[in-house]
């Protein structure tokens, strides 16, 4: 990981991918995991004044998370 692009991970325990509905029947409705990531993004930027935060990505696959952490 490059120092110019620091990353911060928040791990939510007790929730599995099956707890988030894909909402396939209503494609216009945001996926719940994406909605949660957007809420965290807004909290960091607006609640804590961290305007340098450019995005929050939900990762509901632990194997993918491990690869991201190792980068």
Protein backbone atom coordinates (compact mmCIF):
# COMPACT_ATOMS: atom_id res chain seq x y z
CA UNK A 1 0.00 0.00 0.00
CA UNK A 2 1.30 3.41 -0.97
CA UNK A 3 1.52 6.07 1.76
CA UNK A 4 -0.13 8.53 -0.63
CA UNK A 5 -3.24 6.30 -0.63
CA UNK A 6 -3.85 5.20 2.96
CA UNK A 7 -6.71 2.80 3.60
CA UNK A 8 -8.89 2.35 6.63
CA UNK A 9 -10.94 -0.80 7.17
CA UNK A 10 -14.01 -1.19 9.33
CA UNK A 11 -14.95 -4.78 10.01
CA UNK A 12 -18.53 -5.54 11.01
CA UNK A 13 -18.87 -8.84 12.86
CA UNK A 14 -22.02 -10.88 13.35
CA UNK A 15 -23.27 -10.09 9.84
CA UNK A 16 -22.87 -12.38 6.86
CA UNK A 17 -23.40 -11.81 3.12
CA UNK A 18 -26.75 -13.57 3.36
CA UNK A 19 -27.96 -10.80 5.70
CA UNK A 20 -27.85 -8.31 2.81
CA UNK A 21 -30.55 -8.69 0.21
CA UNK A 22 -29.58 -8.21 -3.41
CA UNK A 23 -32.95 -6.59 -4.19
CA UNK A 24 -32.94 -8.24 -7.62
CA UNK A 25 -36.70 -7.69 -7.93
CA UNK A 26 -36.29 -3.93 -7.62
CA UNK A 27 -33.05 -2.88 -9.37
CA UNK A 28 -33.67 0.80 -8.61
CA UNK A 29 -33.46 0.07 -4.87
CA UNK A 30 -29.92 0.32 -3.47
CA UNK A 31 -28.35 -2.82 -2.13
CA UNK A 32 -28.23 -2.71 1.67
CA UNK A 33 -24.45 -3.22 1.83
CA UNK A 34 -23.97 -0.28 -0.55
CA UNK A 35 -26.38 1.83 1.50
CA UNK A 36 -24.38 1.04 4.64
CA UNK A 37 -21.11 1.99 2.90
CA UNK A 38 -22.67 5.27 1.76
CA UNK A 39 -23.79 6.00 5.33
CA UNK A 40 -20.24 5.39 6.62
CA UNK A 41 -18.87 7.63 3.84
CA UNK A 42 -21.26 10.43 4.81
CA UNK A 43 -20.47 10.01 8.52
CA UNK A 44 -16.71 10.29 7.92
CA UNK A 45 -17.02 13.30 5.63
CA UNK A 46 -19.81 15.23 7.35
CA UNK A 47 -19.75 13.97 10.93
CA UNK A 48 -15.97 13.94 11.34
CA UNK A 49 -14.95 16.50 8.72
CA UNK A 50 -12.76 14.01 6.84
CA UNK A 51 -13.41 15.52 3.42
CA UNK A 52 -10.38 13.74 1.97
CA UNK A 53 -12.33 10.46 2.12
CA UNK A 54 -13.10 9.70 -1.51
CA UNK A 55 -15.06 6.50 -1.14
CA UNK A 56 -16.18 3.59 0.97
CA UNK A 57 -16.47 0.16 -0.61
CA UNK A 58 -18.53 -2.63 0.95
CA UNK A 59 -16.76 -6.01 0.88
CA UNK A 60 -19.00 -8.86 1.91
CA UNK A 61 -16.56 -11.57 0.86
CA UNK A 62 -13.93 -12.21 3.55
CA UNK A 63 -11.46 -13.72 1.04
CA UNK A 64 -11.55 -10.55 -1.06
CA UNK A 65 -11.06 -8.49 2.11
CA UNK A 66 -7.94 -10.48 2.97
CA UNK A 67 -6.52 -9.76 -0.51
CA UNK A 68 -7.25 -6.04 -0.09
CA UNK A 69 -5.54 -5.97 3.30
CA UNK A 70 -2.48 -7.72 1.85
CA UNK A 71 -2.09 -5.16 -0.98
